[in-house]
Each structure stands twice: as structure tokens, then as C-alpha cells.
């Protein structure tokens, strides 16, 4: 009997913690889940609705990365060029501008690959999906405030998932079976349906939602990311870093920079690559960083390669971001993090799963709130009825 009473008391406290944490973070979980749900297919939707024109492929040499940079900077003079993306086929070259300070700036200039004509200009800080991402990451608040609220609410939601499973799990196998599927009939009241939705949907969603929560925490907390990486056997640095040139500072004259010959070399060495994103060196001492994409729709198997500015000799990476084929188990798992978070790791089926799990997670704060509100309101209403009945009886006496 003592053990049973102790178990009941423990569950009572877990239920209270689950309730109060849910009331405190419910709105945040709802927003983050719904925006995550909408973000899942942003690449596919952007591809269908893109205003970027296609070009007629030519059998001629494309403009080199420095030419592309200089031509694009006539559109945004003085702005920092983050990198230039060569996709091939009928796609124009995309020169990407990005600055965090003094004010965030994120735009792209699309150029004709053969003559450098400006074909399209796109501001990445506007539009539907930027709005969705801002809500997902910052709740449309200033990032310094919103990101912290989202981060700690995610931690709390993880605790709620664990406490929810504990509360769901019954001792009786017969009762457990009743909590794994809906047994509604025409006479089932909405309160019962809401209760079942919260318990059954929450139970099934929890086991997959845990992966989305953990991958979110890895992206949010550096300490958590480092701890997770070490726990699975990682030994390299997890911070992205661009190595220095092996040959020292750049010594070639203007107009003769080896970076101008980089694209033909990349296309010869990696003919099956989907695209090449070239990032310009920080200064004359740093190597050229190139991201070679090997697959459509996923990022973890991309090659992060670094080339000496003086001779285009490859410079090895000291971090987890290097050549994919050389990545060990722990490096691969950490590099997969974003693809797991958005479901891309499983292709379109994985994204569909991520969409519905996010949608189910969004429903939990709603059904949970309705459960709490129904019980609280019903209790108060019952008390009012009793008090009214007592007053009537006292008056009659």
C-alpha cells in the first residue's frame, strides 16, 4: 500500500509540473511548432514560386568568381559578399551578400554566367518564409530576447514530453491498450475527444518529436552541441573555421589571382557535384573556402574544401567541416543535425513526417489548455451551483 501511495503522490507532482510548464510555454510551443511545420517545404515551394529567370546554356567559359563579385557589387557597393554560387545548367550565378552589423543585410544578385548581366535581385529578409523563420527562431521579437525564450522553452518542452510519457504510462495493460487508439462513438462528448487527442496524439508524436527537439537544442546551445559530440566519440573542433594558406600571404598581382581558375578546376575534379559555393578569403592570409554540394535537398554530405590562394593547393580542415568521405561516425551525426531537424534526411517522406509531427506538437498546447480550462471552469461552475442551492435552502428554512 505504501508503495502505491508513493507512486500516486509522485504522479500527482509530475502532473502539476507538467501542467504549470505547459501553461508557461504553451504559446511558444504552438508558434515554434506551427512555423516549423510551414518551414519544412520552403525549398520546394520557393523553387516553384521563384522569380529568378533561367538562362540559355552556352558552350563558352563562364565569368570567374572575382568578375562575378565585382559585377554584383555595382548593385550593392560597399556591402560584404558572402559567396558566389555556381549551379550550372540554365541557372544563373548567384552572388550572395550578407552582413550582421551595423544592420543585418542579406540579399542576392543573379547574373548571367557568360556576360555578367544582372538578371534578378532578391532580398532574403522579406517574404513569407523569412517571416516564418523569424517566428520560429525569435517569435518575431528582437533576436537577443526571442532566441532565449525559444531556446529555454524548447528545453521545457523536452521535459514536458518526458513527463507526458510518464503520466500516460499506466500499470494495467488493458488500460494501456485503451490509450493507444481512439474509441469514439456518436455519443462521445467533445471533452473526451479532446482528452484522447492530447493523450494519444501526444504519445505517438513524442517518440519522434524528441529527435526534432534534440536537434534544435544542438543548434541552439553550443555547450550542448559540444557535449553531445564528445559523448558520441568526437575529437575534432565543432566550430567552423577557415584555415590559413599553407604558402603564406597572397603574392600574385591583381588580375592574375589563382582564384580566377578555381571553377574549371572544381568542375574537372568534381563533375557530379550539384553546385559549388565559393567564399572569398577574409584577407590575403586565409585560404579560399568552397562548399561542394553532392546531393539535392540535403547538406550533411557536402564537401567543405579549402584552397591556398597562391597555388590552389588543398588545405586540410581541423574541424568537423571537411571532406565528407573522411568524416567519422561522430562527425557525420553532427553534420546530419539540420537535415534531421527538418526531415530532409528521409527525403520527401521524411519531410512529410516532420510536417505532421510538428503539427501534432502544435496541437498539444491547445488540447492541454482546453483540458485545464474545462476542469477549472467545471469546478468553479459546480461550486457556484452548490452555493446557490445552499442559499436557496437556507432561505426556505
Protein backbone atom coordinates (compact mmCIF):
# COMPACT_ATOMS: atom_id res chain seq x y z
CA UNK A 1 0.00 0.00 0.00
CA UNK A 2 2.83 2.38 0.89
CA UNK A 3 4.46 1.91 -2.48
CA UNK A 4 1.18 2.52 -4.29
CA UNK A 5 0.58 5.70 -2.29
CA UNK A 6 4.12 6.89 -3.02
CA UNK A 7 3.63 6.26 -6.76
CA UNK A 8 0.34 8.16 -6.69
CA UNK A 9 1.98 11.11 -4.92
CA UNK A 10 4.86 11.14 -7.42
CA UNK A 11 2.48 11.15 -10.39
CA UNK A 12 0.47 13.91 -8.74
CA UNK A 13 3.57 16.11 -8.56
CA UNK A 14 4.59 15.22 -12.12
CA UNK A 15 1.09 16.15 -13.29
CA UNK A 16 1.35 19.54 -11.56
CA UNK A 17 4.77 20.21 -13.06
CA UNK A 18 3.50 19.15 -16.50
CA UNK A 19 0.53 21.49 -16.14
CA UNK A 20 2.44 24.57 -14.97
CA UNK A 21 5.22 24.15 -17.52
CA UNK A 22 2.60 23.75 -20.22
CA UNK A 23 0.75 26.90 -19.20
CA UNK A 24 4.03 28.82 -19.08
CA UNK A 25 5.34 27.78 -22.50
CA UNK A 26 2.23 26.68 -24.41
CA UNK A 27 2.06 29.71 -26.69
CA UNK A 28 5.77 29.48 -27.54
CA UNK A 29 5.50 25.75 -28.36
CA UNK A 30 2.45 26.46 -30.52
CA UNK A 31 4.24 29.17 -32.53
CA UNK A 32 7.52 27.27 -32.89
CA UNK A 33 5.73 24.06 -33.94
CA UNK A 34 3.45 25.74 -36.48
CA UNK A 35 6.26 27.78 -38.04
CA UNK A 36 8.46 24.67 -38.12
CA UNK A 37 5.63 22.83 -39.83
CA UNK A 38 5.45 25.53 -42.54
CA UNK A 39 9.23 25.76 -42.95
CA UNK A 40 9.65 22.07 -43.83
CA UNK A 41 8.78 22.51 -47.52
CA UNK A 42 10.20 26.01 -48.02
CA UNK A 43 12.82 24.83 -50.54
CA UNK A 44 10.26 23.05 -52.72
CA UNK A 45 7.78 25.94 -52.54
CA UNK A 46 10.47 28.56 -53.26
CA UNK A 47 11.56 26.54 -56.28
CA UNK A 48 8.02 26.63 -57.67
CA UNK A 49 7.41 30.31 -56.94
CA UNK A 50 10.90 31.70 -57.61
CA UNK A 51 11.11 34.81 -59.76
CA UNK A 52 14.70 34.04 -60.79
CA UNK A 53 14.87 33.73 -64.61
CA UNK A 54 16.60 30.84 -66.35
CA UNK A 55 19.29 31.37 -68.99
CA UNK A 56 20.14 29.69 -72.26
CA UNK A 57 23.22 27.47 -71.69
CA UNK A 58 26.22 28.38 -73.84
CA UNK A 59 29.32 26.49 -74.87
CA UNK A 60 31.64 29.14 -73.51
CA UNK A 61 33.68 29.88 -70.39
CA UNK A 62 31.72 31.41 -67.50
CA UNK A 63 32.77 34.56 -65.73
CA UNK A 64 35.19 33.82 -62.90
CA UNK A 65 34.43 34.36 -59.17
CA UNK A 66 36.23 37.72 -58.98
CA UNK A 67 34.43 39.01 -62.08
CA UNK A 68 31.10 37.87 -60.61
CA UNK A 69 31.91 39.60 -57.31
CA UNK A 70 32.89 42.89 -58.96
CA UNK A 71 29.84 42.95 -61.24
CA UNK A 72 27.44 42.22 -58.38
CA UNK A 73 29.00 44.90 -56.18
CA UNK A 74 27.89 47.55 -58.67
CA UNK A 75 24.38 46.76 -57.37
CA UNK A 76 25.34 46.89 -53.67
CA UNK A 77 28.58 48.90 -53.47
CA UNK A 78 30.35 48.62 -50.15
CA UNK A 79 28.36 45.59 -48.98
CA UNK A 80 30.13 42.39 -47.96
CA UNK A 81 29.97 39.49 -50.42
CA UNK A 82 29.45 36.25 -48.53
CA UNK A 83 29.95 33.95 -51.51
CA UNK A 84 29.10 33.09 -55.11
CA UNK A 85 27.02 30.06 -56.06
CA UNK A 86 27.53 28.26 -59.37
CA UNK A 87 24.65 25.83 -60.01
CA UNK A 88 25.15 25.04 -63.68
CA UNK A 89 22.61 24.24 -66.38
CA UNK A 90 20.11 27.01 -67.01
CA UNK A 91 20.64 28.58 -63.59
CA UNK A 92 22.25 32.00 -63.29
CA UNK A 93 25.20 32.67 -60.98
CA UNK A 94 24.07 33.85 -57.54
CA UNK A 95 26.26 36.34 -55.67
CA UNK A 96 25.22 36.37 -52.01
CA UNK A 97 25.65 39.45 -49.81
CA UNK A 98 25.44 39.13 -46.03
CA UNK A 99 26.24 41.44 -43.11
CA UNK A 100 25.18 41.23 -39.46
CA UNK A 101 26.37 44.68 -38.45
CA UNK A 102 25.79 47.59 -38.31
CA UNK A 103 22.43 46.41 -39.67
CA UNK A 104 21.51 42.98 -40.97
CA UNK A 105 21.73 42.79 -44.75
CA UNK A 106 21.04 39.61 -46.73
CA UNK A 107 20.44 39.79 -50.48
CA UNK A 108 21.43 38.04 -53.70
CA UNK A 109 22.28 39.33 -57.16
CA UNK A 110 21.71 36.85 -60.00
CA UNK A 111 23.99 37.21 -63.01
CA UNK A 112 24.14 35.75 -66.48
CA UNK A 113 27.03 33.25 -66.21
CA UNK A 114 28.55 34.29 -69.55
CA UNK A 115 28.30 38.07 -69.75
CA UNK A 116 27.57 39.10 -66.12
CA UNK A 117 24.27 40.83 -66.91
CA UNK A 118 22.18 41.43 -63.78
CA UNK A 119 19.06 39.28 -64.18
CA UNK A 120 17.41 39.47 -60.76
CA UNK A 121 17.85 40.94 -57.29
CA UNK A 122 16.37 39.25 -54.23
CA UNK A 123 16.09 40.47 -50.64
CA UNK A 124 16.17 37.42 -48.34
CA UNK A 125 14.96 39.45 -45.34
CA UNK A 126 11.48 39.86 -46.78
CA UNK A 127 8.74 37.48 -47.87
CA UNK A 128 6.63 34.75 -46.33
CA UNK A 129 9.36 32.29 -45.39
CA UNK A 130 11.56 34.93 -43.81
CA UNK A 131 8.55 35.83 -41.66
CA UNK A 132 8.07 32.15 -40.78
CA UNK A 133 11.76 31.63 -39.91
CA UNK A 134 11.81 34.77 -37.77
CA UNK A 135 8.83 33.44 -35.83
CA UNK A 136 10.39 30.00 -35.46
CA UNK A 137 13.69 31.33 -34.17
CA UNK A 138 12.77 34.57 -32.40
CA UNK A 139 8.93 34.73 -32.04
CA UNK A 140 9.11 37.97 -34.11
CA UNK A 141 10.84 39.62 -31.16
CA UNK A 142 14.33 41.17 -31.14
CA UNK A 143 16.68 38.18 -31.64
CA UNK A 144 18.54 38.74 -28.37
CA UNK A 145 15.24 38.29 -26.50
CA UNK A 146 13.27 35.94 -28.73
CA UNK A 147 16.05 33.41 -29.26
CA UNK A 148 16.48 32.97 -25.49
CA UNK A 149 12.74 32.46 -24.97
CA UNK A 150 12.63 29.87 -27.76
CA UNK A 151 15.76 28.11 -26.52
CA UNK A 152 14.60 27.65 -22.92
CA UNK A 153 11.03 26.89 -23.94
CA UNK A 154 12.45 24.07 -26.07
CA UNK A 155 14.24 22.71 -23.00
CA UNK A 156 10.99 22.90 -21.05
CA UNK A 157 9.07 21.22 -23.87
CA UNK A 158 11.56 18.34 -23.76
CA UNK A 159 10.84 17.94 -20.04
CA UNK A 160 7.12 18.04 -20.79
CA UNK A 161 7.48 15.28 -23.38
CA UNK A 162 9.22 13.07 -20.80
CA UNK A 163 6.69 13.88 -18.06
CA UNK A 164 3.84 13.34 -20.51
CA UNK A 165 5.04 9.82 -21.32
CA UNK A 166 5.32 9.06 -17.58
CA UNK A 167 1.77 10.31 -16.98
CA UNK A 168 0.46 8.38 -19.98
CA UNK A 169 2.02 5.07 -19.00
CA UNK A 170 -0.50 3.02 -16.96
CA UNK A 171 0.21 -0.07 -14.88
CA UNK A 172 -2.72 -2.01 -16.28
CA UNK A 173 -2.16 -3.50 -19.75
CA UNK A 174 -5.85 -3.27 -20.53
CA UNK A 175 -5.90 0.46 -19.79
CA UNK A 176 -2.71 0.86 -21.81
CA UNK A 177 -4.47 -0.60 -24.83
CA UNK A 178 -7.29 1.91 -24.45
CA UNK A 179 -4.78 4.74 -24.58
CA UNK A 180 -3.24 3.76 -27.89
CA UNK A 181 -6.21 4.37 -30.20
CA UNK A 182 -9.43 6.38 -30.43
CA UNK A 183 -12.58 4.57 -29.38
CA UNK A 184 -15.18 7.17 -30.17
CA UNK A 185 -18.86 6.64 -30.91
CA UNK A 186 -21.66 9.05 -31.86
CA UNK A 187 -22.28 9.76 -28.18
CA UNK A 188 -18.67 10.60 -27.26
CA UNK A 189 -18.52 14.13 -25.85
CA UNK A 190 -16.02 16.70 -27.07
CA UNK A 191 -14.26 16.77 -23.69
CA UNK A 192 -13.50 13.06 -24.02
CA UNK A 193 -12.35 13.55 -27.59
CA UNK A 194 -10.08 16.39 -26.52
CA UNK A 195 -8.66 14.24 -23.71
CA UNK A 196 -7.95 11.39 -26.16
CA UNK A 197 -6.37 13.78 -28.67
CA UNK A 198 -4.00 15.11 -26.03
CA UNK A 199 -3.03 11.68 -24.71
CA UNK A 200 -2.95 9.55 -27.84
CA UNK A 201 -1.55 12.10 -30.29
CA UNK A 202 0.94 13.24 -27.67
CA UNK A 203 2.09 9.69 -27.00
CA UNK A 204 2.77 8.79 -30.64
CA UNK A 205 4.26 12.17 -31.53
CA UNK A 206 6.57 12.23 -28.52
CA UNK A 207 8.94 9.49 -29.66
CA UNK A 208 9.74 11.25 -32.95
CA UNK A 209 9.41 14.81 -31.60
CA UNK A 210 12.30 14.05 -29.23
CA UNK A 211 14.66 13.93 -32.23
CA UNK A 212 13.45 17.31 -33.52
CA UNK A 213 13.81 18.80 -30.04
CA UNK A 214 17.32 17.42 -29.53
CA UNK A 215 18.49 18.63 -32.95
CA UNK A 216 17.02 22.04 -32.13
CA UNK A 217 18.94 22.11 -28.84
CA UNK A 218 22.15 21.18 -30.65
CA UNK A 219 21.71 24.16 -32.96
CA UNK A 220 20.79 26.46 -30.08
CA UNK A 221 23.25 25.68 -27.29
CA UNK A 222 26.96 25.47 -28.12
CA UNK A 223 27.73 23.68 -24.86
CA UNK A 224 25.04 21.08 -25.52
CA UNK A 225 26.34 20.57 -29.06
CA UNK A 226 29.93 20.12 -27.84
CA UNK A 227 28.85 17.77 -25.06
CA UNK A 228 26.74 15.66 -27.41
CA UNK A 229 29.58 15.43 -29.94
CA UNK A 230 32.08 14.30 -27.31
CA UNK A 231 29.57 11.82 -25.88
CA UNK A 232 29.42 10.02 -29.24
CA UNK A 233 33.19 9.90 -29.55
CA UNK A 234 34.01 13.16 -31.34
CA UNK A 235 37.52 14.61 -31.06
CA UNK A 236 37.69 17.41 -33.64
CA UNK A 237 36.60 21.01 -33.22
CA UNK A 238 32.92 21.68 -33.91
CA UNK A 239 33.39 25.38 -34.63
CA UNK A 240 33.55 26.15 -38.34
CA UNK A 241 36.90 27.73 -39.18
CA UNK A 242 38.76 28.63 -42.37
CA UNK A 243 42.45 27.61 -42.28
CA UNK A 244 45.32 29.86 -43.32
CA UNK A 245 47.18 29.46 -46.62
CA UNK A 246 49.99 26.93 -46.39
CA UNK A 247 52.19 29.13 -48.60
CA UNK A 248 51.73 32.36 -46.65
CA UNK A 249 50.13 35.61 -47.75
CA UNK A 250 48.86 36.09 -51.31
CA UNK A 251 51.72 37.25 -53.54
CA UNK A 252 50.23 37.32 -57.05
CA UNK A 253 49.37 40.56 -58.85
CA UNK A 254 45.87 41.90 -59.39
CA UNK A 255 44.26 40.27 -62.41
CA UNK A 256 46.41 37.14 -62.07
CA UNK A 257 44.85 35.70 -58.90
CA UNK A 258 44.60 31.87 -59.00
CA UNK A 259 41.01 32.06 -57.71
CA UNK A 260 40.07 33.03 -61.27
CA UNK A 261 40.98 29.47 -62.34
CA UNK A 262 39.15 27.81 -59.47
CA UNK A 263 35.84 26.98 -61.17
CA UNK A 264 37.31 25.00 -64.11
CA UNK A 265 39.42 23.04 -61.60
CA UNK A 266 36.40 22.26 -59.41
CA UNK A 267 34.29 21.15 -62.37
CA UNK A 268 37.08 18.86 -63.55
CA UNK A 269 37.66 17.29 -60.11
CA UNK A 270 34.02 17.05 -59.06
CA UNK A 271 31.99 16.70 -62.28
CA UNK A 272 28.97 15.16 -60.50
CA UNK A 273 28.55 17.96 -57.95
CA UNK A 274 25.16 19.66 -57.81
CA UNK A 275 26.66 23.10 -57.21
CA UNK A 276 29.73 24.94 -55.96
CA UNK A 277 29.62 27.83 -53.50
CA UNK A 278 32.83 29.85 -53.42
CA UNK A 279 33.56 32.04 -50.40
CA UNK A 280 36.11 34.79 -50.74
CA UNK A 281 39.08 34.83 -48.31
CA UNK A 282 38.92 37.06 -45.24
CA UNK A 283 42.23 38.61 -46.29
CA UNK A 284 45.46 37.68 -48.11
CA UNK A 285 46.43 35.17 -45.38
CA UNK A 286 43.38 32.92 -45.42
CA UNK A 287 42.50 30.09 -47.80
CA UNK A 288 39.54 30.05 -50.17
CA UNK A 289 36.58 28.17 -48.72
CA UNK A 290 34.43 26.16 -51.18
CA UNK A 291 31.32 24.16 -50.40
CA UNK A 292 30.75 21.38 -52.93
CA UNK A 293 27.18 20.07 -52.78
CA UNK A 294 26.91 16.37 -53.60
CA UNK A 295 23.13 15.85 -53.27
CA UNK A 296 19.91 17.73 -53.85
CA UNK A 297 17.90 18.66 -50.78
CA UNK A 298 20.40 17.63 -48.09
CA UNK A 299 23.50 19.29 -46.65
CA UNK A 300 25.31 16.78 -44.46
CA UNK A 301 27.21 15.08 -47.31
CA UNK A 302 28.58 18.31 -48.77
CA UNK A 303 32.35 18.67 -49.02
CA UNK A 304 33.93 21.64 -47.26
CA UNK A 305 37.18 22.24 -49.12
CA UNK A 306 39.85 24.91 -48.65
CA UNK A 307 42.36 26.09 -51.26
CA UNK A 308 45.57 28.06 -50.90
CA UNK A 309 45.18 31.48 -52.55
CA UNK A 310 48.62 31.32 -54.16
CA UNK A 311 48.54 27.92 -55.85
CA UNK A 312 45.06 26.38 -55.24
CA UNK A 313 46.66 23.53 -53.30
CA UNK A 314 44.14 21.96 -50.96
CA UNK A 315 44.48 22.89 -47.28
CA UNK A 316 43.24 20.32 -44.71
CA UNK A 317 40.49 21.22 -42.24
CA UNK A 318 40.95 20.82 -38.49
CA UNK A 319 37.20 20.87 -37.75
CA UNK A 320 34.32 18.51 -38.48
CA UNK A 321 33.67 20.54 -41.62
CA UNK A 322 35.92 18.95 -44.18
CA UNK A 323 35.69 16.29 -46.88
CA UNK A 324 32.59 14.14 -46.29
CA UNK A 325 34.27 10.84 -47.17
CA UNK A 326 36.83 11.47 -44.42
CA UNK A 327 34.20 12.15 -41.75
CA UNK A 328 33.90 9.62 -38.94
CA UNK A 329 30.70 8.48 -37.23
CA UNK A 330 30.51 11.36 -34.74
CA UNK A 331 31.27 13.98 -37.40
CA UNK A 332 28.62 12.55 -39.71
CA UNK A 333 25.97 12.52 -36.96
CA UNK A 334 26.61 16.16 -36.08
CA UNK A 335 26.66 17.21 -39.72
CA UNK A 336 23.29 15.48 -40.20
CA UNK A 337 21.73 17.63 -37.48
CA UNK A 338 19.96 20.21 -39.67
CA UNK A 339 18.77 17.59 -42.18
CA UNK A 340 17.26 15.57 -39.32
CA UNK A 341 15.69 18.68 -37.81
CA UNK A 342 13.73 19.49 -40.98
CA UNK A 343 13.11 15.87 -42.02
CA UNK A 344 15.24 16.19 -45.18
CA UNK A 345 17.32 13.21 -44.08
CA UNK A 346 14.43 10.99 -45.22
CA UNK A 347 13.69 12.82 -48.48
CA UNK A 348 10.09 13.82 -49.20
CA UNK A 349 8.67 11.07 -46.90
CA UNK A 350 10.89 12.41 -44.11
CA UNK A 351 9.64 15.95 -44.69
CA UNK A 352 6.03 14.76 -44.67
CA UNK A 353 6.69 13.03 -41.35
CA UNK A 354 8.34 16.18 -39.95
CA UNK A 355 5.35 18.24 -41.12
CA UNK A 356 2.81 16.08 -39.30
CA UNK A 357 4.88 15.65 -36.14
CA UNK A 358 5.27 19.44 -35.94
CA UNK A 359 1.54 19.80 -36.50
CA UNK A 360 0.79 17.27 -33.75
CA UNK A 361 3.17 19.08 -31.38
CA UNK A 362 1.34 22.32 -32.14
CA UNK A 363 -1.93 20.66 -31.11
CA UNK A 364 -0.64 19.62 -27.67
CA UNK A 365 -0.67 23.10 -26.05
CA UNK A 366 -4.20 23.66 -27.43
CA UNK A 367 -5.69 20.37 -26.22
CA UNK A 368 -3.78 20.66 -22.94
CA UNK A 369 -5.11 24.16 -22.32
CA UNK A 370 -8.67 23.03 -23.08
CA UNK A 371 -8.26 20.15 -20.60
CA UNK A 372 -7.10 22.54 -17.87
CA UNK A 373 -9.72 25.15 -18.70
CA UNK A 374 -12.55 22.59 -18.81
CA UNK A 375 -11.64 21.14 -15.44
CA UNK A 376 -11.11 24.53 -13.79
CA UNK A 377 -14.25 26.05 -15.25
CA UNK A 378 -16.33 22.97 -14.43
CA UNK A 379 -15.11 23.01 -10.80
CA UNK A 380 -15.91 26.68 -10.37
CA UNK A 381 -19.28 26.27 -12.02
CA UNK A 382 -20.11 23.31 -9.76
CA UNK A 383 -19.13 25.32 -6.69
CA UNK A 384 -21.40 28.19 -7.74
CA UNK A 385 -24.30 25.78 -8.19
CA UNK A 386 -23.75 24.24 -4.74
CA UNK A 387 -23.51 27.66 -3.08
CA UNK A 388 -26.65 28.83 -4.86
CA UNK A 389 -28.52 25.69 -3.80
CA UNK A 390 -27.39 26.16 -0.18
CA UNK A 391 -28.58 29.78 -0.18
CA UNK A 392 -31.99 28.74 -1.55
CA UNK A 393 -32.34 26.01 1.09
CA UNK A 394 -31.32 28.39 3.87
CA UNK A 395 -33.87 30.96 2.68
CA UNK A 396 -36.62 28.31 2.58
CA UNK A 397 -35.85 27.26 6.14
